[in-house]
């Protein structure tokens, strides 16, 4: 859908002011996909921690885990102690991280890239949702975007949903976007909206986030 001219102009004006910074951040995401599987797994850990939690605190928790590569080798108890106080539901999320690590373990290394089909990101997202405990459509989309594969998928968190309602893309914020049908229905509306305003979907996500928080993050 196309928003009223005044709102469209305002959104594009805000976008143009931070467009350079947004594109720089997207470029950083895309470079991550070229790194080792262990680096990519770190981003998966971050997204496993973000459900119902503060993203900045989760990033702090990930930094703590990366010191000594605890996310790659430590037990549940050790991981739990390092994310406690930063991440909500730290007990469950420590379990999720270790379970995901076991899933991608291939000998002494991790093999996560082989599960990512860059030609069909929607199918890849479905696979992650179905096979990784603690990862829903929002978190899986977040992970894929953060490794540079989010050009055509949306991260429907509360910041994005508020803006979709504000710009008339959705009539109301649903109680839950956990089901595939609901998630993809809203995602398709956001996709059409991004085309109507001429802002790429992954960049629109960062724009909406910055409008709510005042800064560009991930």
N, C-alpha and C. Protein backbone atom coordinates (compact mmCIF):
# COMPACT_ATOMS: atom_id res chain seq x y z
N UNK A 1 0.84 -1.19 0.00
CA UNK A 1 0.00 0.00 0.00
C UNK A 1 0.88 1.25 0.00
N UNK A 2 0.30 2.35 -0.44
CA UNK A 2 1.02 3.63 -0.47
C UNK A 2 0.48 4.54 0.62
N UNK A 3 1.32 5.04 1.52
CA UNK A 3 0.85 5.93 2.59
C UNK A 3 0.49 7.29 2.02
N UNK A 4 -0.21 8.13 2.78
CA UNK A 4 -0.50 9.49 2.32
C UNK A 4 0.80 10.21 1.93
N UNK A 5 0.71 11.15 0.99
CA UNK A 5 1.90 11.84 0.48
C UNK A 5 2.74 12.46 1.58
N UNK A 6 2.09 13.10 2.55
CA UNK A 6 2.83 13.77 3.62
C UNK A 6 3.64 12.77 4.45
N UNK A 7 3.04 11.62 4.77
CA UNK A 7 3.74 10.61 5.56
C UNK A 7 4.85 9.97 4.75
N UNK A 8 4.59 9.73 3.49
CA UNK A 8 5.60 9.16 2.60
C UNK A 8 6.81 10.10 2.51
N UNK A 9 6.53 11.39 2.36
CA UNK A 9 7.61 12.38 2.26
C UNK A 9 8.42 12.43 3.55
N UNK A 10 7.73 12.37 4.69
CA UNK A 10 8.40 12.42 5.98
C UNK A 10 9.29 11.19 6.18
N UNK A 11 8.76 10.01 5.82
CA UNK A 11 9.52 8.77 5.97
C UNK A 11 10.76 8.78 5.08
N UNK A 12 10.60 9.21 3.85
CA UNK A 12 11.74 9.27 2.92
C UNK A 12 12.78 10.30 3.39
N UNK A 13 12.31 11.40 3.97
CA UNK A 13 13.22 12.41 4.49
C UNK A 13 14.06 11.84 5.63
N UNK A 14 13.41 11.11 6.53
CA UNK A 14 14.12 10.48 7.64
C UNK A 14 15.11 9.44 7.12
N UNK A 15 14.68 8.69 6.12
CA UNK A 15 15.54 7.67 5.52
C UNK A 15 16.78 8.29 4.89
N UNK A 16 16.58 9.34 4.13
CA UNK A 16 17.71 9.98 3.44
C UNK A 16 18.74 10.55 4.42
N UNK A 17 18.29 10.94 5.60
CA UNK A 17 19.22 11.49 6.59
C UNK A 17 20.19 10.44 7.13
N UNK A 18 19.73 9.18 7.21
CA UNK A 18 20.58 8.14 7.78
C UNK A 18 20.85 7.00 6.78
N UNK A 19 20.51 7.26 5.53
CA UNK A 19 20.65 6.23 4.49
C UNK A 19 22.07 5.68 4.41
N UNK A 20 23.05 6.56 4.49
CA UNK A 20 24.45 6.14 4.40
C UNK A 20 24.81 5.19 5.54
N UNK A 21 24.37 5.51 6.74
CA UNK A 21 24.67 4.67 7.90
C UNK A 21 23.95 3.33 7.82
N UNK A 22 22.72 3.35 7.30
CA UNK A 22 21.95 2.12 7.15
C UNK A 22 22.65 1.19 6.16
N UNK A 23 23.06 1.73 5.02
CA UNK A 23 23.71 0.92 4.00
C UNK A 23 25.06 0.38 4.50
N UNK A 24 25.74 1.17 5.29
CA UNK A 24 27.00 0.71 5.88
C UNK A 24 26.75 -0.49 6.78
N UNK A 25 25.69 -0.42 7.58
CA UNK A 25 25.36 -1.52 8.49
C UNK A 25 24.97 -2.78 7.71
N UNK A 26 24.20 -2.61 6.66
CA UNK A 26 23.80 -3.75 5.83
C UNK A 26 25.05 -4.39 5.22
N UNK A 27 26.00 -3.57 4.81
CA UNK A 27 27.25 -4.09 4.25
C UNK A 27 28.02 -4.92 5.26
N UNK A 28 27.98 -4.50 6.53
CA UNK A 28 28.65 -5.25 7.60
C UNK A 28 27.98 -6.61 7.79
N UNK A 29 26.66 -6.64 7.70
CA UNK A 29 25.94 -7.90 7.80
C UNK A 29 26.36 -8.85 6.68
N UNK A 30 26.43 -8.34 5.48
CA UNK A 30 26.76 -9.19 4.33
C UNK A 30 28.17 -9.74 4.39
N UNK A 31 29.08 -9.00 4.99
CA UNK A 31 30.45 -9.50 5.13
C UNK A 31 30.52 -10.64 6.13
N UNK A 32 29.62 -10.63 7.11
CA UNK A 32 29.63 -11.69 8.12
C UNK A 32 29.35 -13.05 7.50
N UNK A 33 28.50 -13.10 6.48
CA UNK A 33 28.16 -14.37 5.83
C UNK A 33 29.39 -15.04 5.21
N UNK A 34 30.40 -14.25 4.90
CA UNK A 34 31.61 -14.80 4.28
C UNK A 34 32.61 -15.32 5.31
N UNK A 35 32.32 -15.07 6.58
CA UNK A 35 33.24 -15.50 7.64
C UNK A 35 33.03 -16.96 8.00
N UNK A 36 33.77 -17.43 8.98
CA UNK A 36 33.73 -18.83 9.39
C UNK A 36 32.39 -19.19 10.02
N UNK A 37 32.06 -20.48 10.01
CA UNK A 37 30.82 -20.96 10.61
C UNK A 37 30.73 -20.60 12.08
N UNK A 38 31.86 -20.57 12.76
CA UNK A 38 31.87 -20.23 14.18
C UNK A 38 31.42 -18.79 14.42
N UNK A 39 31.79 -17.89 13.50
CA UNK A 39 31.35 -16.50 13.60
C UNK A 39 29.85 -16.39 13.36
N UNK A 40 29.38 -17.15 12.39
CA UNK A 40 27.95 -17.15 12.08
C UNK A 40 27.16 -17.74 13.24
N UNK A 41 27.71 -18.76 13.87
CA UNK A 41 27.03 -19.37 15.02
C UNK A 41 26.90 -18.36 16.16
N UNK A 42 27.89 -17.49 16.32
CA UNK A 42 27.81 -16.46 17.34
C UNK A 42 26.58 -15.58 17.14
N UNK A 43 26.28 -15.27 15.89
CA UNK A 43 25.11 -14.44 15.60
C UNK A 43 23.82 -15.21 15.87
N UNK A 44 23.87 -16.52 15.63
CA UNK A 44 22.71 -17.35 15.95
C UNK A 44 22.45 -17.34 17.46
N UNK A 45 23.52 -17.42 18.24
CA UNK A 45 23.39 -17.35 19.70
C UNK A 45 22.75 -16.04 20.13
N UNK A 46 23.18 -14.95 19.50
CA UNK A 46 22.60 -13.63 19.81
C UNK A 46 21.09 -13.65 19.57
N UNK A 47 20.68 -14.19 18.44
CA UNK A 47 19.26 -14.20 18.10
C UNK A 47 18.46 -15.15 18.97
N UNK A 48 19.09 -16.23 19.44
CA UNK A 48 18.42 -17.11 20.38
C UNK A 48 18.17 -16.41 21.70
N UNK A 49 19.03 -15.49 22.06
CA UNK A 49 18.88 -14.78 23.33
C UNK A 49 17.90 -13.63 23.27
N UNK A 50 17.61 -13.11 22.07
CA UNK A 50 16.83 -11.86 21.98
C UNK A 50 15.33 -12.01 22.20
N UNK A 51 14.81 -13.23 22.13
CA UNK A 51 13.36 -13.40 22.32
C UNK A 51 12.92 -12.85 23.68
N UNK A 52 12.01 -11.88 23.66
CA UNK A 52 11.49 -11.26 24.89
C UNK A 52 12.61 -10.68 25.76
N UNK A 53 13.65 -10.18 25.12
CA UNK A 53 14.78 -9.63 25.87
C UNK A 53 15.29 -8.37 25.18
N UNK A 54 16.09 -7.60 25.91
CA UNK A 54 16.68 -6.37 25.38
C UNK A 54 17.86 -6.71 24.48
N UNK A 55 17.83 -6.24 23.24
CA UNK A 55 18.87 -6.59 22.26
C UNK A 55 20.25 -6.10 22.69
N UNK A 56 20.32 -4.93 23.28
CA UNK A 56 21.61 -4.39 23.71
C UNK A 56 22.22 -5.26 24.82
N UNK A 57 21.37 -5.70 25.75
CA UNK A 57 21.85 -6.57 26.82
C UNK A 57 22.28 -7.93 26.26
N UNK A 58 21.55 -8.39 25.25
CA UNK A 58 21.91 -9.67 24.62
C UNK A 58 23.25 -9.56 23.91
N UNK A 59 23.52 -8.41 23.33
CA UNK A 59 24.81 -8.20 22.68
C UNK A 59 25.94 -8.21 23.71
N UNK A 60 25.66 -7.64 24.88
CA UNK A 60 26.63 -7.70 25.97
C UNK A 60 26.87 -9.14 26.40
N UNK A 61 25.80 -9.91 26.45
CA UNK A 61 25.91 -11.32 26.84
C UNK A 61 26.73 -12.09 25.82
N UNK A 62 26.52 -11.80 24.54
CA UNK A 62 27.28 -12.47 23.50
C UNK A 62 28.77 -12.13 23.61
N UNK A 63 29.07 -10.88 23.88
CA UNK A 63 30.48 -10.47 24.07
C UNK A 63 31.11 -11.25 25.22
N UNK A 64 30.33 -11.44 26.29
CA UNK A 64 30.82 -12.21 27.43
C UNK A 64 31.08 -13.67 27.05
N UNK A 65 30.20 -14.23 26.24
CA UNK A 65 30.36 -15.61 25.80
C UNK A 65 31.57 -15.78 24.88
N UNK A 66 31.78 -14.78 24.04
CA UNK A 66 32.86 -14.87 23.06
C UNK A 66 34.24 -14.81 23.71
N UNK A 67 34.31 -14.19 24.88
CA UNK A 67 35.59 -14.19 25.60
C UNK A 67 35.86 -15.60 26.08
N UNK A 68 36.79 -16.26 25.44
CA UNK A 68 37.06 -17.65 25.80
C UNK A 68 36.25 -18.65 24.98
N UNK A 69 35.48 -18.14 24.00
CA UNK A 69 34.68 -19.01 23.12
C UNK A 69 33.74 -19.94 23.89
N UNK A 70 33.12 -19.41 24.93
CA UNK A 70 32.22 -20.23 25.75
C UNK A 70 31.02 -20.73 24.97
N UNK A 71 30.54 -19.93 24.00
CA UNK A 71 29.39 -20.37 23.21
C UNK A 71 29.74 -21.56 22.31
N UNK A 72 31.04 -21.76 22.07
CA UNK A 72 31.48 -22.84 21.19
C UNK A 72 31.86 -24.11 21.94
N UNK A 73 32.13 -24.00 23.24
CA UNK A 73 32.66 -25.18 23.93
C UNK A 73 32.14 -25.40 25.35
N UNK A 74 31.57 -24.39 26.00
CA UNK A 74 31.21 -24.53 27.41
C UNK A 74 29.88 -25.25 27.61
N UNK A 75 29.70 -25.76 28.83
CA UNK A 75 28.48 -26.47 29.19
C UNK A 75 27.35 -25.48 29.48
N UNK A 76 26.16 -26.02 29.66
CA UNK A 76 24.98 -25.19 29.92
C UNK A 76 25.19 -24.32 31.16
N UNK A 77 25.71 -24.92 32.22
CA UNK A 77 25.89 -24.17 33.48
C UNK A 77 26.81 -22.96 33.28
N UNK A 78 27.90 -23.16 32.55
CA UNK A 78 28.86 -22.08 32.33
C UNK A 78 28.25 -20.96 31.48
N UNK A 79 27.54 -21.35 30.44
CA UNK A 79 26.88 -20.35 29.58
C UNK A 79 25.82 -19.59 30.38
N UNK A 80 25.07 -20.32 31.15
CA UNK A 80 24.01 -19.71 31.97
C UNK A 80 24.56 -18.65 32.89
N UNK A 81 25.69 -18.93 33.52
CA UNK A 81 26.28 -17.98 34.47
C UNK A 81 26.76 -16.72 33.78
N UNK A 82 27.14 -16.83 32.50
CA UNK A 82 27.66 -15.66 31.77
C UNK A 82 26.57 -14.79 31.16
N UNK A 83 25.39 -15.35 30.99
CA UNK A 83 24.31 -14.54 30.41
C UNK A 83 23.28 -14.11 31.47
N UNK A 84 23.39 -14.67 32.66
CA UNK A 84 22.46 -14.32 33.73
C UNK A 84 22.57 -12.83 34.07
N UNK A 85 21.42 -12.20 34.24
CA UNK A 85 21.41 -10.77 34.55
C UNK A 85 21.36 -9.90 33.32
N UNK A 86 21.63 -10.50 32.17
CA UNK A 86 21.59 -9.74 30.91
C UNK A 86 20.45 -10.22 30.02
N UNK A 87 20.16 -11.51 30.11
CA UNK A 87 19.20 -12.14 29.21
C UNK A 87 18.03 -12.72 30.00
N UNK A 88 16.82 -12.42 29.58
CA UNK A 88 15.65 -13.00 30.23
C UNK A 88 15.57 -14.49 29.90
N UNK A 89 15.07 -15.26 30.86
CA UNK A 89 14.94 -16.71 30.70
C UNK A 89 16.30 -17.34 30.36
N UNK A 90 17.32 -16.92 31.13
CA UNK A 90 18.69 -17.36 30.84
C UNK A 90 18.87 -18.87 30.95
N UNK A 91 18.08 -19.52 31.80
CA UNK A 91 18.19 -20.98 31.94
C UNK A 91 17.83 -21.69 30.64
N UNK A 92 16.67 -21.32 30.10
CA UNK A 92 16.22 -21.94 28.85
C UNK A 92 17.14 -21.59 27.69
N UNK A 93 17.58 -20.34 27.65
CA UNK A 93 18.38 -19.90 26.50
C UNK A 93 19.77 -20.52 26.49
N UNK A 94 20.30 -20.81 27.66
CA UNK A 94 21.58 -21.53 27.73
C UNK A 94 21.40 -22.93 27.15
N UNK A 95 20.27 -23.54 27.46
CA UNK A 95 19.96 -24.86 26.90
C UNK A 95 19.81 -24.79 25.38
N UNK A 96 19.14 -23.74 24.91
CA UNK A 96 18.94 -23.58 23.46
C UNK A 96 20.28 -23.45 22.73
N UNK A 97 21.19 -22.68 23.30
CA UNK A 97 22.50 -22.46 22.66
C UNK A 97 23.27 -23.77 22.55
N UNK A 98 23.29 -24.55 23.63
CA UNK A 98 24.02 -25.82 23.61
C UNK A 98 23.36 -26.81 22.64
N UNK A 99 22.02 -26.83 22.61
CA UNK A 99 21.31 -27.73 21.70
C UNK A 99 21.60 -27.36 20.24
N UNK A 100 21.62 -26.06 19.94
CA UNK A 100 21.91 -25.62 18.58
C UNK A 100 23.35 -25.98 18.20
N UNK A 101 24.26 -25.83 19.13
CA UNK A 101 25.66 -26.17 18.88
C UNK A 101 25.80 -27.66 18.54
N UNK A 102 25.09 -28.49 19.26
CA UNK A 102 25.12 -29.93 18.99
C UNK A 102 24.56 -30.24 17.60
N UNK A 103 23.52 -29.52 17.23
CA UNK A 103 22.89 -29.75 15.93
C UNK A 103 23.86 -29.49 14.78
N UNK A 104 24.67 -28.44 14.92
CA UNK A 104 25.58 -28.05 13.84
C UNK A 104 26.99 -28.62 13.99
N UNK A 105 27.20 -29.42 15.03
CA UNK A 105 28.53 -29.98 15.26
C UNK A 105 28.85 -31.01 14.19
N UNK A 106 30.01 -30.85 13.58
CA UNK A 106 30.47 -31.79 12.55
C UNK A 106 31.93 -32.10 12.85
N UNK A 107 32.14 -33.14 13.63
CA UNK A 107 33.50 -33.44 14.08
C UNK A 107 33.93 -32.39 15.11
N UNK A 108 35.04 -31.78 14.87
CA UNK A 108 35.54 -30.75 15.78
C UNK A 108 35.07 -29.35 15.39
N UNK A 109 34.39 -29.27 14.28
CA UNK A 109 33.98 -27.96 13.77
C UNK A 109 32.46 -27.83 13.74
N UNK A 110 32.02 -26.61 13.47
CA UNK A 110 30.60 -26.36 13.27
C UNK A 110 30.33 -26.24 11.78
N UNK A 111 29.20 -26.75 11.36
CA UNK A 111 28.80 -26.66 9.96
C UNK A 111 27.39 -26.10 9.90
N UNK A 112 27.31 -24.79 9.73
CA UNK A 112 26.01 -24.14 9.69
C UNK A 112 25.68 -23.62 8.28
N UNK A 113 26.72 -23.30 7.52
CA UNK A 113 26.50 -22.75 6.18
C UNK A 113 25.81 -23.73 5.25
N UNK A 114 26.06 -25.02 5.44
CA UNK A 114 25.46 -26.02 4.55
C UNK A 114 23.94 -26.08 4.69
N UNK A 115 23.43 -25.54 5.79
CA UNK A 115 21.98 -25.53 6.03
C UNK A 115 21.32 -24.27 5.48
N UNK A 116 22.13 -23.38 4.93
CA UNK A 116 21.60 -22.11 4.43
C UNK A 116 21.59 -22.11 2.91
N UNK A 117 20.40 -22.06 2.34
CA UNK A 117 20.27 -21.99 0.88
C UNK A 117 20.02 -20.52 0.51
N UNK A 118 21.03 -19.89 -0.05
CA UNK A 118 20.91 -18.46 -0.36
C UNK A 118 19.91 -18.20 -1.49
N UNK A 119 19.57 -19.24 -2.24
CA UNK A 119 18.60 -19.08 -3.33
C UNK A 119 17.16 -19.21 -2.85
N UNK A 120 16.98 -19.69 -1.64
CA UNK A 120 15.62 -19.83 -1.08
C UNK A 120 15.68 -19.56 0.42
N UNK A 121 15.72 -18.29 0.76
CA UNK A 121 15.84 -17.88 2.15
C UNK A 121 14.59 -18.20 2.96
N UNK A 122 13.43 -18.16 2.32
CA UNK A 122 12.19 -18.48 3.04
C UNK A 122 12.20 -19.95 3.47
N UNK A 123 12.63 -20.85 2.58
CA UNK A 123 12.73 -22.27 2.93
C UNK A 123 13.80 -22.49 4.00
N UNK A 124 14.87 -21.73 3.90
CA UNK A 124 15.93 -21.83 4.92
C UNK A 124 15.39 -21.40 6.27
N UNK A 125 14.64 -20.32 6.28
CA UNK A 125 14.03 -19.86 7.53
C UNK A 125 13.11 -20.91 8.11
N UNK A 126 12.31 -21.53 7.27
CA UNK A 126 11.42 -22.60 7.74
C UNK A 126 12.21 -23.72 8.40
N UNK A 127 13.34 -24.08 7.79
CA UNK A 127 14.17 -25.16 8.33
C UNK A 127 14.69 -24.78 9.71
N UNK A 128 15.14 -23.56 9.88
CA UNK A 128 15.67 -23.12 11.17
C UNK A 128 14.57 -23.11 12.24
N UNK A 129 13.39 -22.65 11.87
CA UNK A 129 12.27 -22.63 12.81
C UNK A 129 11.90 -24.05 13.25
N UNK A 130 11.89 -24.95 12.30
CA UNK A 130 11.48 -26.34 12.58
C UNK A 130 12.53 -27.14 13.35
N UNK A 131 13.80 -26.79 13.20
CA UNK A 131 14.87 -27.62 13.74
C UNK A 131 15.63 -27.04 14.93
N UNK A 132 15.48 -25.75 15.19
CA UNK A 132 16.23 -25.14 16.30
C UNK A 132 15.27 -24.68 17.38
N UNK A 133 15.36 -25.33 18.51
CA UNK A 133 14.48 -24.99 19.62
C UNK A 133 14.80 -23.59 20.12
N UNK A 134 13.76 -22.80 20.33
CA UNK A 134 13.94 -21.43 20.82
C UNK A 134 13.98 -20.39 19.71
N UNK A 135 13.90 -20.86 18.46
CA UNK A 135 13.98 -19.95 17.31
C UNK A 135 12.63 -19.93 16.59
N UNK A 136 11.97 -18.77 16.62
CA UNK A 136 10.72 -18.61 15.89
C UNK A 136 10.97 -17.88 14.58
N UNK A 137 9.90 -17.46 13.91
CA UNK A 137 10.06 -16.76 12.62
C UNK A 137 10.77 -15.43 12.78
N UNK A 138 10.47 -14.72 13.85
CA UNK A 138 11.12 -13.42 14.07
C UNK A 138 12.62 -13.62 14.30
N UNK A 139 12.98 -14.54 15.18
CA UNK A 139 14.39 -14.76 15.51
C UNK A 139 15.16 -15.33 14.32
N UNK A 140 14.53 -16.22 13.56
CA UNK A 140 15.19 -16.78 12.38
C UNK A 140 15.41 -15.71 11.32
N UNK A 141 14.43 -14.84 11.16
CA UNK A 141 14.57 -13.72 10.21
C UNK A 141 15.68 -12.79 10.66
N UNK A 142 15.74 -12.55 11.96
CA UNK A 142 16.76 -11.68 12.54
C UNK A 142 18.15 -12.26 12.27
N UNK A 143 18.30 -13.55 12.49
CA UNK A 143 19.57 -14.22 12.25
C UNK A 143 20.00 -14.10 10.79
N UNK A 144 19.09 -14.42 9.88
CA UNK A 144 19.43 -14.38 8.46
C UNK A 144 19.75 -12.96 7.99
N UNK A 145 19.02 -11.98 8.50
CA UNK A 145 19.33 -10.59 8.17
C UNK A 145 20.71 -10.20 8.69
N UNK A 146 21.03 -10.65 9.91
CA UNK A 146 22.29 -10.26 10.53
C UNK A 146 23.52 -10.91 9.90
N UNK A 147 23.29 -11.91 9.04
CA UNK A 147 24.41 -12.47 8.29
C UNK A 147 24.29 -12.10 6.80
N UNK A 148 23.52 -11.04 6.55
CA UNK A 148 23.47 -10.48 5.21
C UNK A 148 22.50 -11.11 4.25
N UNK A 149 21.52 -11.87 4.76
CA UNK A 149 20.60 -12.58 3.87
C UNK A 149 19.15 -12.16 4.12
N UNK A 150 18.95 -10.89 4.45
CA UNK A 150 17.62 -10.43 4.81
C UNK A 150 16.98 -9.49 3.81
N UNK A 151 17.40 -9.55 2.58
CA UNK A 151 16.87 -8.61 1.58
C UNK A 151 15.37 -8.74 1.36
N UNK A 152 14.83 -9.95 1.54
CA UNK A 152 13.42 -10.15 1.20
C UNK A 152 12.61 -10.74 2.35
N UNK A 153 13.12 -10.59 3.58
CA UNK A 153 12.37 -11.06 4.74
C UNK A 153 12.32 -9.95 5.79
N UNK A 154 11.34 -10.05 6.68
CA UNK A 154 11.14 -9.00 7.68
C UNK A 154 11.31 -9.54 9.10
N UNK A 155 11.77 -8.67 9.98
CA UNK A 155 11.91 -9.01 11.40
C UNK A 155 10.77 -8.32 12.14
N UNK A 156 9.72 -9.05 12.39
CA UNK A 156 8.50 -8.44 12.94
C UNK A 156 8.54 -8.37 14.46
N UNK A 157 9.42 -7.50 14.97
CA UNK A 157 9.45 -7.27 16.41
C UNK A 157 8.52 -6.11 16.74
N UNK A 158 8.45 -5.75 18.02
CA UNK A 158 7.49 -4.73 18.44
C UNK A 158 7.77 -3.36 17.82
N UNK A 159 9.06 -3.04 17.58
CA UNK A 159 9.40 -1.76 16.96
C UNK A 159 8.85 -1.68 15.54
N UNK A 160 9.02 -2.76 14.81
CA UNK A 160 8.56 -2.80 13.42
C UNK A 160 7.04 -2.78 13.36
N UNK A 161 6.40 -3.58 14.19
CA UNK A 161 4.94 -3.66 14.18
C UNK A 161 4.29 -2.31 14.52
N UNK A 162 4.89 -1.58 15.46
CA UNK A 162 4.36 -0.25 15.81
C UNK A 162 4.39 0.68 14.60
N UNK A 163 5.47 0.63 13.84
CA UNK A 163 5.58 1.49 12.68
C UNK A 163 4.69 1.03 11.53
N UNK A 164 4.51 -0.26 11.40
CA UNK A 164 3.60 -0.76 10.36
C UNK A 164 2.18 -0.30 10.64
N UNK A 165 1.81 -0.26 11.89
CA UNK A 165 0.48 0.25 12.26
C UNK A 165 0.42 1.77 12.02
N UNK A 166 1.47 2.46 12.41
CA UNK A 166 1.52 3.91 12.25
C UNK A 166 1.33 4.33 10.80
N UNK A 167 1.96 3.59 9.89
CA UNK A 167 1.88 3.94 8.47
C UNK A 167 0.75 3.23 7.74
N UNK A 168 -0.14 2.60 8.49
CA UNK A 168 -1.33 2.01 7.90
C UNK A 168 -1.12 0.72 7.15
N UNK A 169 0.02 0.09 7.35
CA UNK A 169 0.29 -1.18 6.67
C UNK A 169 -0.55 -2.29 7.28
N UNK A 170 -0.73 -2.24 8.60
CA UNK A 170 -1.62 -3.17 9.30
C UNK A 170 -2.60 -2.35 10.13
N UNK A 171 -3.79 -2.88 10.34
CA UNK A 171 -4.81 -2.16 11.10
C UNK A 171 -4.53 -2.18 12.59
N UNK A 172 -4.02 -3.31 13.06
CA UNK A 172 -3.72 -3.43 14.48
C UNK A 172 -2.54 -4.39 14.68
N UNK A 173 -1.90 -4.28 15.82
CA UNK A 173 -0.80 -5.17 16.15
C UNK A 173 -1.38 -6.46 16.69
N UNK A 174 -1.08 -7.59 16.06
CA UNK A 174 -1.66 -8.86 16.53
C UNK A 174 -1.10 -9.27 17.88
N UNK A 175 -1.85 -10.10 18.58
CA UNK A 175 -1.39 -10.60 19.87
C UNK A 175 -0.11 -11.42 19.72
N UNK A 176 -0.01 -12.11 18.60
CA UNK A 176 1.16 -12.95 18.34
C UNK A 176 1.42 -13.04 16.84
N UNK A 177 2.70 -13.11 16.48
CA UNK A 177 3.07 -13.33 15.08
C UNK A 177 3.82 -14.66 14.97
N UNK A 178 3.54 -15.55 15.91
CA UNK A 178 4.26 -16.82 15.99
C UNK A 178 3.94 -17.81 14.90
N UNK A 179 2.71 -17.75 14.37
CA UNK A 179 2.35 -18.73 13.34
C UNK A 179 2.88 -18.30 11.97
N UNK A 180 3.18 -19.27 11.15
CA UNK A 180 3.72 -19.01 9.81
C UNK A 180 2.75 -18.17 8.99
N UNK A 181 1.47 -18.49 9.07
CA UNK A 181 0.45 -17.80 8.28
C UNK A 181 0.37 -16.32 8.64
N UNK A 182 0.31 -16.03 9.93
CA UNK A 182 0.23 -14.63 10.39
C UNK A 182 1.51 -13.88 10.04
N UNK A 183 2.65 -14.51 10.32
CA UNK A 183 3.93 -13.86 10.08
C UNK A 183 4.10 -13.51 8.61
N UNK A 184 3.87 -14.48 7.75
CA UNK A 184 4.09 -14.25 6.32
C UNK A 184 3.06 -13.30 5.73
N UNK A 185 1.87 -13.27 6.32
CA UNK A 185 0.85 -12.34 5.85
C UNK A 185 1.27 -10.90 6.10
N UNK A 186 1.78 -10.62 7.30
CA UNK A 186 2.25 -9.27 7.63
C UNK A 186 3.53 -8.95 6.87
N UNK A 187 4.40 -9.93 6.75
CA UNK A 187 5.65 -9.75 6.02
C UNK A 187 5.38 -9.35 4.57
N UNK A 188 4.40 -9.99 3.96
CA UNK A 188 4.06 -9.67 2.57
C UNK A 188 3.54 -8.23 2.45
N UNK A 189 2.77 -7.78 3.44
CA UNK A 189 2.29 -6.40 3.44
C UNK A 189 3.45 -5.42 3.59
N UNK A 190 4.41 -5.75 4.45
CA UNK A 190 5.57 -4.89 4.63
C UNK A 190 6.43 -4.87 3.37
N UNK A 191 6.51 -6.01 2.70
CA UNK A 191 7.27 -6.11 1.45
C UNK A 191 6.68 -5.18 0.38
N UNK A 192 5.35 -5.20 0.27
CA UNK A 192 4.68 -4.33 -0.70
C UNK A 192 4.85 -2.87 -0.33
N UNK A 193 4.79 -2.58 0.97
CA UNK A 193 4.98 -1.21 1.44
C UNK A 193 6.38 -0.71 1.12
N UNK A 194 7.39 -1.55 1.32
CA UNK A 194 8.77 -1.14 1.04
C UNK A 194 8.95 -0.79 -0.43
N UNK A 195 8.29 -1.54 -1.29
CA UNK A 195 8.37 -1.25 -2.73
C UNK A 195 7.66 0.05 -3.06
N UNK A 196 6.55 0.30 -2.38
CA UNK A 196 5.77 1.51 -2.68
C UNK A 196 6.51 2.78 -2.28
N UNK A 197 7.33 2.69 -1.21
CA UNK A 197 8.06 3.88 -0.76
C UNK A 197 9.49 3.91 -1.30
N UNK A 198 9.90 2.83 -1.95
CA UNK A 198 11.24 2.80 -2.56
C UNK A 198 12.37 2.62 -1.57
N UNK A 199 12.10 1.92 -0.46
CA UNK A 199 13.13 1.64 0.54
C UNK A 199 13.26 0.12 0.65
N UNK A 200 14.44 -0.44 0.37
CA UNK A 200 14.62 -1.90 0.46
C UNK A 200 14.16 -2.44 1.81
N UNK A 201 13.63 -3.65 1.80
CA UNK A 201 13.03 -4.23 3.00
C UNK A 201 13.98 -4.28 4.19
N UNK A 202 15.22 -4.74 3.97
CA UNK A 202 16.15 -4.84 5.09
C UNK A 202 16.55 -3.46 5.61
N UNK A 203 16.58 -2.46 4.72
CA UNK A 203 16.89 -1.10 5.14
C UNK A 203 15.71 -0.46 5.85
N UNK A 204 14.52 -0.80 5.43
CA UNK A 204 13.31 -0.29 6.08
C UNK A 204 13.24 -0.78 7.52
N UNK A 205 13.66 -2.02 7.73
CA UNK A 205 13.69 -2.57 9.08
C UNK A 205 14.60 -1.74 10.00
N UNK A 206 15.80 -1.44 9.52
CA UNK A 206 16.73 -0.63 10.33
C UNK A 206 16.22 0.79 10.51
N UNK A 207 15.55 1.31 9.50
CA UNK A 207 14.97 2.66 9.61
C UNK A 207 13.90 2.69 10.70
N UNK A 208 12.98 1.73 10.67
CA UNK A 208 11.93 1.66 11.68
C UNK A 208 12.53 1.49 13.08
N UNK A 209 13.54 0.63 13.19
CA UNK A 209 14.19 0.42 14.48
C UNK A 209 14.76 1.73 15.00
N UNK A 210 15.45 2.47 14.13
CA UNK A 210 16.08 3.72 14.55
C UNK A 210 15.04 4.78 14.91
N UNK A 211 13.90 4.76 14.24
CA UNK A 211 12.84 5.72 14.55
C UNK A 211 12.29 5.48 15.96
N UNK A 212 12.30 4.22 16.39
CA UNK A 212 11.79 3.88 17.72
C UNK A 212 12.83 4.06 18.82
N UNK A 213 14.10 3.78 18.48
CA UNK A 213 15.13 3.75 19.52
C UNK A 213 16.10 4.93 19.45
N UNK A 214 16.20 5.57 18.28
CA UNK A 214 17.10 6.69 18.13
C UNK A 214 18.49 6.31 17.63
N UNK A 215 18.70 5.03 17.31
CA UNK A 215 19.99 4.61 16.79
C UNK A 215 19.84 3.36 15.92
N UNK A 216 20.88 3.09 15.13
CA UNK A 216 20.91 1.91 14.26
C UNK A 216 21.68 0.82 14.98
N UNK A 217 21.09 -0.34 15.09
CA UNK A 217 21.77 -1.43 15.78
C UNK A 217 21.83 -2.65 14.88
N UNK A 218 21.18 -3.74 15.30
CA UNK A 218 21.13 -4.95 14.47
C UNK A 218 19.94 -5.79 14.86
